[in-house]
Amino acid sequence: MLEIDWRDSMSVGVKEIDEQHKKLIDTIEKLNESIIKHDIEKNMVETFDRLFEYMNIHFATEEAYFEKLHYPEAEQHKAAHLFFRNRITEMYNKIGNNISGLSLDLVDFLEFWLVGHVMVMDKRYSECFHENGLK
C-alpha cells in the first residue's frame, strides 16, 4: 500500500476534474486506513459506494468533455473507463468472500489506476482541454 497525498504534479489543470481525482485519493486513503486498523469488513460497502459514485460522476464528466471538445483519444479513454467499471463491479460481486484478500486486491488496483490512468492517461487530455478554454 502506498501513502498517497495530492500533489500539484497530479493535476490535469481542470479544477472540476482535479477535485474528482482528489475524492478518489481520499477513498484510497480511507481504504488503506481500514486495512491497517483491521476494520475493513464494516467499511467495505462504503468504499464501494464511494467508488461507484466516483465512476458515475467522474467518467460522465470526462466523457462529456471528450464529446464537446472532440478529444481525439476519446474512444481509447472510454475503453479504459469501461475496464475500471467492470473490474470494480467484479470485485464488488465478491464482497462476501475473503474480505481481507479482496481489500488488498482493491487497494492494489486503485493505486495502479491512480498511477497508470489518472497520472498518465488523463494528463494526455490536458492540452486539448486547455486549448479549448477549459480550466
N, C-alpha and C. Protein backbone atom coordinates (compact mmCIF):
# COMPACT_ATOMS: atom_id res chain seq x y z
N MET A 1 0.84 -1.18 0.00
CA MET A 1 0.00 0.00 0.00
C MET A 1 0.88 1.24 0.00
N LEU A 2 0.52 2.16 -0.84
CA LEU A 2 1.24 3.42 -0.93
C LEU A 2 0.56 4.46 -0.06
N GLU A 3 1.34 5.36 0.48
CA GLU A 3 0.74 6.53 1.13
C GLU A 3 0.58 7.57 0.04
N ILE A 4 -0.65 7.97 -0.19
CA ILE A 4 -0.95 8.84 -1.32
C ILE A 4 -1.49 10.17 -0.82
N ASP A 5 -0.85 11.21 -1.22
CA ASP A 5 -1.33 12.57 -0.96
C ASP A 5 -1.38 13.31 -2.28
N TRP A 6 -2.33 14.20 -2.41
CA TRP A 6 -2.44 15.02 -3.62
C TRP A 6 -1.19 15.87 -3.77
N ARG A 7 -0.67 15.89 -4.98
CA ARG A 7 0.46 16.75 -5.33
C ARG A 7 0.07 17.52 -6.59
N ASP A 8 0.60 18.71 -6.73
CA ASP A 8 0.29 19.52 -7.91
C ASP A 8 0.66 18.80 -9.21
N SER A 9 1.65 17.92 -9.15
CA SER A 9 2.05 17.18 -10.35
C SER A 9 0.95 16.23 -10.84
N MET A 10 -0.04 15.95 -10.00
CA MET A 10 -1.16 15.09 -10.39
C MET A 10 -2.23 15.86 -11.15
N SER A 11 -2.19 17.15 -11.10
CA SER A 11 -3.23 17.99 -11.68
C SER A 11 -3.28 17.86 -13.20
N VAL A 12 -4.51 17.83 -13.70
CA VAL A 12 -4.71 17.90 -15.15
C VAL A 12 -5.01 19.33 -15.57
N GLY A 13 -5.05 20.23 -14.60
CA GLY A 13 -5.25 21.64 -14.89
C GLY A 13 -6.70 22.04 -15.10
N VAL A 14 -7.61 21.16 -14.72
CA VAL A 14 -9.04 21.44 -14.80
C VAL A 14 -9.59 21.22 -13.40
N LYS A 15 -10.01 22.31 -12.77
CA LYS A 15 -10.38 22.26 -11.35
C LYS A 15 -11.43 21.19 -11.06
N GLU A 16 -12.47 21.13 -11.84
CA GLU A 16 -13.55 20.17 -11.61
C GLU A 16 -13.02 18.73 -11.60
N ILE A 17 -12.17 18.41 -12.55
CA ILE A 17 -11.63 17.06 -12.65
C ILE A 17 -10.61 16.80 -11.55
N ASP A 18 -9.79 17.78 -11.24
CA ASP A 18 -8.83 17.62 -10.14
C ASP A 18 -9.55 17.33 -8.83
N GLU A 19 -10.66 18.01 -8.59
CA GLU A 19 -11.43 17.78 -7.36
C GLU A 19 -11.97 16.35 -7.32
N GLN A 20 -12.39 15.85 -8.46
CA GLN A 20 -12.87 14.47 -8.53
C GLN A 20 -11.74 13.48 -8.27
N HIS A 21 -10.57 13.76 -8.82
CA HIS A 21 -9.41 12.91 -8.56
C HIS A 21 -9.03 12.92 -7.08
N LYS A 22 -9.16 14.06 -6.45
CA LYS A 22 -8.88 14.16 -5.00
C LYS A 22 -9.82 13.27 -4.21
N LYS A 23 -11.06 13.15 -4.64
CA LYS A 23 -12.01 12.26 -3.96
C LYS A 23 -11.59 10.80 -4.11
N LEU A 24 -11.06 10.44 -5.27
CA LEU A 24 -10.55 9.08 -5.45
C LEU A 24 -9.39 8.83 -4.50
N ILE A 25 -8.48 9.78 -4.41
CA ILE A 25 -7.34 9.64 -3.49
C ILE A 25 -7.83 9.50 -2.06
N ASP A 26 -8.82 10.27 -1.69
CA ASP A 26 -9.39 10.17 -0.35
C ASP A 26 -9.99 8.78 -0.11
N THR A 27 -10.65 8.23 -1.10
CA THR A 27 -11.22 6.89 -0.98
C THR A 27 -10.12 5.85 -0.79
N ILE A 28 -9.04 5.98 -1.54
CA ILE A 28 -7.91 5.06 -1.39
C ILE A 28 -7.31 5.18 0.00
N GLU A 29 -7.14 6.39 0.48
CA GLU A 29 -6.58 6.59 1.82
C GLU A 29 -7.47 5.99 2.91
N LYS A 30 -8.78 6.17 2.78
CA LYS A 30 -9.71 5.60 3.76
C LYS A 30 -9.67 4.08 3.71
N LEU A 31 -9.54 3.52 2.54
CA LEU A 31 -9.41 2.07 2.40
C LEU A 31 -8.13 1.59 3.06
N ASN A 32 -7.03 2.28 2.80
CA ASN A 32 -5.76 1.93 3.46
C ASN A 32 -5.88 1.97 4.98
N GLU A 33 -6.51 3.02 5.50
CA GLU A 33 -6.69 3.14 6.96
C GLU A 33 -7.52 1.99 7.51
N SER A 34 -8.57 1.61 6.80
CA SER A 34 -9.41 0.50 7.25
C SER A 34 -8.64 -0.81 7.28
N ILE A 35 -7.78 -1.01 6.29
CA ILE A 35 -6.97 -2.23 6.26
C ILE A 35 -6.01 -2.23 7.44
N ILE A 36 -5.34 -1.13 7.67
CA ILE A 36 -4.37 -1.03 8.77
C ILE A 36 -5.05 -1.24 10.12
N LYS A 37 -6.24 -0.69 10.29
CA LYS A 37 -6.95 -0.78 11.57
C LYS A 37 -7.74 -2.09 11.71
N HIS A 38 -7.70 -2.92 10.69
CA HIS A 38 -8.41 -4.20 10.68
C HIS A 38 -9.92 -4.04 10.87
N ASP A 39 -10.47 -2.97 10.33
CA ASP A 39 -11.92 -2.80 10.38
C ASP A 39 -12.52 -2.67 8.98
N ILE A 40 -11.91 -3.40 8.06
CA ILE A 40 -12.31 -3.32 6.66
C ILE A 40 -13.71 -3.88 6.43
N GLU A 41 -14.10 -4.89 7.20
CA GLU A 41 -15.40 -5.51 6.97
C GLU A 41 -16.54 -4.50 7.06
N LYS A 42 -16.48 -3.63 8.06
CA LYS A 42 -17.57 -2.66 8.21
C LYS A 42 -17.47 -1.50 7.23
N ASN A 43 -16.32 -1.30 6.60
CA ASN A 43 -16.13 -0.17 5.69
C ASN A 43 -16.12 -0.54 4.21
N MET A 44 -16.17 -1.83 3.91
CA MET A 44 -16.03 -2.25 2.51
C MET A 44 -17.20 -1.78 1.65
N VAL A 45 -18.43 -1.90 2.13
CA VAL A 45 -19.58 -1.47 1.34
C VAL A 45 -19.51 0.04 1.10
N GLU A 46 -19.14 0.79 2.13
CA GLU A 46 -19.00 2.24 1.99
C GLU A 46 -17.93 2.58 0.94
N THR A 47 -16.83 1.83 0.94
CA THR A 47 -15.77 2.05 -0.04
C THR A 47 -16.30 1.85 -1.45
N PHE A 48 -17.03 0.77 -1.66
CA PHE A 48 -17.59 0.53 -2.99
C PHE A 48 -18.63 1.58 -3.36
N ASP A 49 -19.43 2.02 -2.39
CA ASP A 49 -20.40 3.09 -2.67
C ASP A 49 -19.67 4.33 -3.18
N ARG A 50 -18.58 4.68 -2.53
CA ARG A 50 -17.79 5.84 -2.95
C ARG A 50 -17.21 5.64 -4.34
N LEU A 51 -16.76 4.42 -4.63
CA LEU A 51 -16.18 4.14 -5.95
C LEU A 51 -17.23 4.20 -7.06
N PHE A 52 -18.42 3.66 -6.79
CA PHE A 52 -19.48 3.73 -7.80
C PHE A 52 -19.90 5.17 -8.04
N GLU A 53 -19.96 5.96 -6.98
CA GLU A 53 -20.29 7.38 -7.14
C GLU A 53 -19.20 8.08 -7.96
N TYR A 54 -17.94 7.79 -7.63
CA TYR A 54 -16.81 8.36 -8.38
C TYR A 54 -16.92 8.01 -9.86
N MET A 55 -17.14 6.74 -10.15
CA MET A 55 -17.23 6.31 -11.55
C MET A 55 -18.34 7.06 -12.28
N ASN A 56 -19.51 7.10 -11.67
CA ASN A 56 -20.66 7.71 -12.34
C ASN A 56 -20.44 9.19 -12.62
N ILE A 57 -19.94 9.90 -11.65
CA ILE A 57 -19.74 11.35 -11.81
C ILE A 57 -18.51 11.65 -12.66
N HIS A 58 -17.39 11.08 -12.29
CA HIS A 58 -16.12 11.42 -12.94
C HIS A 58 -16.09 10.98 -14.41
N PHE A 59 -16.47 9.76 -14.68
CA PHE A 59 -16.41 9.29 -16.06
C PHE A 59 -17.40 10.06 -16.94
N ALA A 60 -18.57 10.37 -16.40
CA ALA A 60 -19.54 11.16 -17.17
C ALA A 60 -18.99 12.55 -17.47
N THR A 61 -18.31 13.14 -16.49
CA THR A 61 -17.71 14.47 -16.68
C THR A 61 -16.68 14.43 -17.80
N GLU A 62 -15.72 13.51 -17.69
CA GLU A 62 -14.68 13.43 -18.71
C GLU A 62 -15.27 13.14 -20.08
N GLU A 63 -16.16 12.18 -20.14
CA GLU A 63 -16.69 11.77 -21.44
C GLU A 63 -17.54 12.86 -22.10
N ALA A 64 -18.21 13.67 -21.30
CA ALA A 64 -18.95 14.81 -21.86
C ALA A 64 -17.98 15.81 -22.47
N TYR A 65 -16.87 16.06 -21.80
CA TYR A 65 -15.85 16.96 -22.36
C TYR A 65 -15.21 16.36 -23.60
N PHE A 66 -15.00 15.06 -23.63
CA PHE A 66 -14.44 14.42 -24.83
C PHE A 66 -15.32 14.71 -26.04
N GLU A 67 -16.62 14.57 -25.86
CA GLU A 67 -17.56 14.81 -26.96
C GLU A 67 -17.57 16.29 -27.34
N LYS A 68 -17.72 17.14 -26.35
CA LYS A 68 -17.82 18.58 -26.60
C LYS A 68 -16.56 19.13 -27.27
N LEU A 69 -15.40 18.64 -26.86
CA LEU A 69 -14.13 19.18 -27.35
C LEU A 69 -13.50 18.32 -28.44
N HIS A 70 -14.19 17.27 -28.85
CA HIS A 70 -13.70 16.38 -29.91
C HIS A 70 -12.31 15.83 -29.60
N TYR A 71 -12.17 15.32 -28.39
CA TYR A 71 -10.89 14.77 -27.95
C TYR A 71 -10.53 13.55 -28.81
N PRO A 72 -9.37 13.57 -29.46
CA PRO A 72 -9.03 12.50 -30.42
C PRO A 72 -8.82 11.11 -29.80
N GLU A 73 -8.51 11.03 -28.52
CA GLU A 73 -8.29 9.73 -27.88
C GLU A 73 -9.49 9.30 -27.05
N ALA A 74 -10.65 9.84 -27.36
CA ALA A 74 -11.86 9.59 -26.56
C ALA A 74 -12.21 8.11 -26.48
N GLU A 75 -12.19 7.41 -27.58
CA GLU A 75 -12.61 6.00 -27.56
C GLU A 75 -11.67 5.14 -26.72
N GLN A 76 -10.38 5.38 -26.83
CA GLN A 76 -9.40 4.64 -26.02
C GLN A 76 -9.64 4.94 -24.54
N HIS A 77 -9.91 6.17 -24.24
CA HIS A 77 -10.13 6.58 -22.85
C HIS A 77 -11.42 5.96 -22.30
N LYS A 78 -12.47 5.97 -23.11
CA LYS A 78 -13.74 5.36 -22.70
C LYS A 78 -13.57 3.86 -22.46
N ALA A 79 -12.75 3.23 -23.27
CA ALA A 79 -12.49 1.79 -23.08
C ALA A 79 -11.80 1.55 -21.73
N ALA A 80 -10.90 2.44 -21.35
CA ALA A 80 -10.25 2.33 -20.04
C ALA A 80 -11.27 2.51 -18.92
N HIS A 81 -12.20 3.43 -19.09
CA HIS A 81 -13.27 3.62 -18.11
C HIS A 81 -14.12 2.36 -17.98
N LEU A 82 -14.43 1.74 -19.09
CA LEU A 82 -15.22 0.51 -19.07
C LEU A 82 -14.46 -0.59 -18.34
N PHE A 83 -13.17 -0.69 -18.57
CA PHE A 83 -12.33 -1.67 -17.86
C PHE A 83 -12.42 -1.44 -16.35
N PHE A 84 -12.31 -0.18 -15.91
CA PHE A 84 -12.39 0.15 -14.49
C PHE A 84 -13.76 -0.25 -13.94
N ARG A 85 -14.82 0.14 -14.64
CA ARG A 85 -16.18 -0.21 -14.19
C ARG A 85 -16.34 -1.72 -14.02
N ASN A 86 -15.89 -2.46 -15.02
CA ASN A 86 -16.03 -3.91 -14.98
C ASN A 86 -15.23 -4.52 -13.84
N ARG A 87 -14.04 -4.03 -13.62
CA ARG A 87 -13.18 -4.58 -12.56
C ARG A 87 -13.75 -4.27 -11.18
N ILE A 88 -14.22 -3.04 -10.98
CA ILE A 88 -14.80 -2.67 -9.68
C ILE A 88 -16.09 -3.47 -9.45
N THR A 89 -16.91 -3.62 -10.46
CA THR A 89 -18.14 -4.40 -10.32
C THR A 89 -17.83 -5.86 -10.00
N GLU A 90 -16.83 -6.40 -10.68
CA GLU A 90 -16.40 -7.79 -10.41
C GLU A 90 -15.96 -7.94 -8.96
N MET A 91 -15.19 -7.00 -8.47
CA MET A 91 -14.74 -7.05 -7.08
C MET A 91 -15.91 -6.90 -6.11
N TYR A 92 -16.82 -5.99 -6.43
CA TYR A 92 -17.98 -5.78 -5.57
C TYR A 92 -18.80 -7.06 -5.44
N ASN A 93 -18.92 -7.79 -6.52
CA ASN A 93 -19.68 -9.04 -6.51
C ASN A 93 -19.02 -10.12 -5.66
N LYS A 94 -17.77 -9.92 -5.28
CA LYS A 94 -17.05 -10.88 -4.43
C LYS A 94 -17.01 -10.43 -2.97
N ILE A 95 -17.78 -9.43 -2.64
CA ILE A 95 -17.68 -8.80 -1.32
C ILE A 95 -17.91 -9.78 -0.16
N GLY A 96 -18.65 -10.83 -0.36
CA GLY A 96 -18.90 -11.78 0.73
C GLY A 96 -17.77 -12.78 0.95
N ASN A 97 -16.83 -12.84 0.05
CA ASN A 97 -15.74 -13.83 0.12
C ASN A 97 -14.41 -13.17 0.46
N ASN A 98 -13.75 -13.65 1.46
CA ASN A 98 -12.38 -13.25 1.79
C ASN A 98 -12.19 -11.73 1.71
N ILE A 99 -12.83 -11.02 2.60
CA ILE A 99 -12.79 -9.54 2.61
C ILE A 99 -11.37 -9.01 2.71
N SER A 100 -10.54 -9.64 3.51
CA SER A 100 -9.16 -9.16 3.65
C SER A 100 -8.42 -9.23 2.33
N GLY A 101 -8.52 -10.36 1.65
CA GLY A 101 -7.86 -10.51 0.35
C GLY A 101 -8.43 -9.57 -0.67
N LEU A 102 -9.74 -9.43 -0.65
CA LEU A 102 -10.41 -8.53 -1.59
C LEU A 102 -9.98 -7.08 -1.36
N SER A 103 -9.88 -6.68 -0.10
CA SER A 103 -9.50 -5.30 0.19
C SER A 103 -8.08 -5.01 -0.30
N LEU A 104 -7.18 -5.96 -0.16
CA LEU A 104 -5.81 -5.77 -0.65
C LEU A 104 -5.79 -5.71 -2.18
N ASP A 105 -6.56 -6.58 -2.82
CA ASP A 105 -6.66 -6.54 -4.29
C ASP A 105 -7.22 -5.20 -4.74
N LEU A 106 -8.23 -4.72 -4.02
CA LEU A 106 -8.88 -3.46 -4.39
C LEU A 106 -7.90 -2.29 -4.25
N VAL A 107 -7.21 -2.21 -3.15
CA VAL A 107 -6.28 -1.10 -2.97
C VAL A 107 -5.15 -1.17 -4.00
N ASP A 108 -4.67 -2.36 -4.32
CA ASP A 108 -3.64 -2.50 -5.36
C ASP A 108 -4.16 -2.01 -6.71
N PHE A 109 -5.39 -2.40 -7.04
CA PHE A 109 -5.97 -1.97 -8.31
C PHE A 109 -6.15 -0.46 -8.35
N LEU A 110 -6.64 0.12 -7.27
CA LEU A 110 -6.85 1.57 -7.24
C LEU A 110 -5.54 2.34 -7.33
N GLU A 111 -4.51 1.85 -6.69
CA GLU A 111 -3.20 2.50 -6.79
C GLU A 111 -2.65 2.38 -8.21
N PHE A 112 -2.83 1.21 -8.81
CA PHE A 112 -2.43 1.01 -10.21
C PHE A 112 -3.18 1.99 -11.11
N TRP A 113 -4.49 2.13 -10.87
CA TRP A 113 -5.32 3.04 -11.66
C TRP A 113 -4.86 4.48 -11.49
N LEU A 114 -4.59 4.87 -10.27
CA LEU A 114 -4.17 6.24 -10.00
C LEU A 114 -2.89 6.58 -10.75
N VAL A 115 -1.93 5.68 -10.68
CA VAL A 115 -0.65 5.93 -11.33
C VAL A 115 -0.76 5.80 -12.86
N GLY A 116 -1.36 4.71 -13.32
CA GLY A 116 -1.40 4.44 -14.76
C GLY A 116 -2.44 5.21 -15.53
N HIS A 117 -3.57 5.46 -14.92
CA HIS A 117 -4.63 6.14 -15.66
C HIS A 117 -4.67 7.64 -15.34
N VAL A 118 -4.86 7.96 -14.08
CA VAL A 118 -5.02 9.37 -13.71
C VAL A 118 -3.76 10.17 -14.02
N MET A 119 -2.61 9.64 -13.65
CA MET A 119 -1.37 10.41 -13.79
C MET A 119 -0.75 10.30 -15.18
N VAL A 120 -1.23 9.39 -16.00
CA VAL A 120 -0.67 9.25 -17.35
C VAL A 120 -1.75 9.53 -18.40
N MET A 121 -2.76 8.69 -18.44
CA MET A 121 -3.77 8.81 -19.50
C MET A 121 -4.57 10.11 -19.38
N ASP A 122 -4.97 10.48 -18.16
CA ASP A 122 -5.73 11.72 -18.01
C ASP A 122 -4.88 12.94 -18.34
N LYS A 123 -3.62 12.88 -18.09
CA LYS A 123 -2.74 14.01 -18.42
C LYS A 123 -2.73 14.29 -19.92
N ARG A 124 -2.98 13.26 -20.72
CA ARG A 124 -2.92 13.43 -22.18
C ARG A 124 -4.03 14.33 -22.70
N TYR A 125 -5.14 14.45 -21.99
CA TYR A 125 -6.19 15.34 -22.50
C TYR A 125 -6.02 16.78 -22.03
N SER A 126 -5.10 17.03 -21.14
CA SER A 126 -4.91 18.38 -20.60
C SER A 126 -4.73 19.42 -21.70
N GLU A 127 -3.87 19.14 -22.65
CA GLU A 127 -3.58 20.11 -23.71
C GLU A 127 -4.85 20.41 -24.53
N CYS A 128 -5.56 19.38 -24.91
CA CYS A 128 -6.80 19.56 -25.68
C CYS A 128 -7.80 20.39 -24.89
N PHE A 129 -7.97 20.07 -23.62
CA PHE A 129 -8.93 20.78 -22.80
C PHE A 129 -8.53 22.24 -22.63
N HIS A 130 -7.25 22.48 -22.39
CA HIS A 130 -6.78 23.85 -22.21
C HIS A 130 -6.89 24.68 -23.48
N GLU A 131 -6.57 24.04 -24.62
CA GLU A 131 -6.68 24.74 -25.90
C GLU A 131 -8.11 25.18 -26.18
N ASN A 132 -9.05 24.49 -25.60
CA ASN A 132 -10.46 24.80 -25.79
C ASN A 132 -11.04 25.61 -24.62
N GLY A 133 -10.16 26.18 -23.81
CA GLY A 133 -10.56 27.11 -22.76
C GLY A 133 -11.05 26.48 -21.46
N LEU A 134 -10.87 25.17 -21.29
CA LEU A 134 -11.32 24.52 -20.06
C LEU A 134 -10.22 24.58 -19.01
N LYS A 135 -10.58 25.10 -17.83
CA LYS A 135 -9.59 25.22 -16.76
C LYS A 135 -10.22 24.93 -15.43
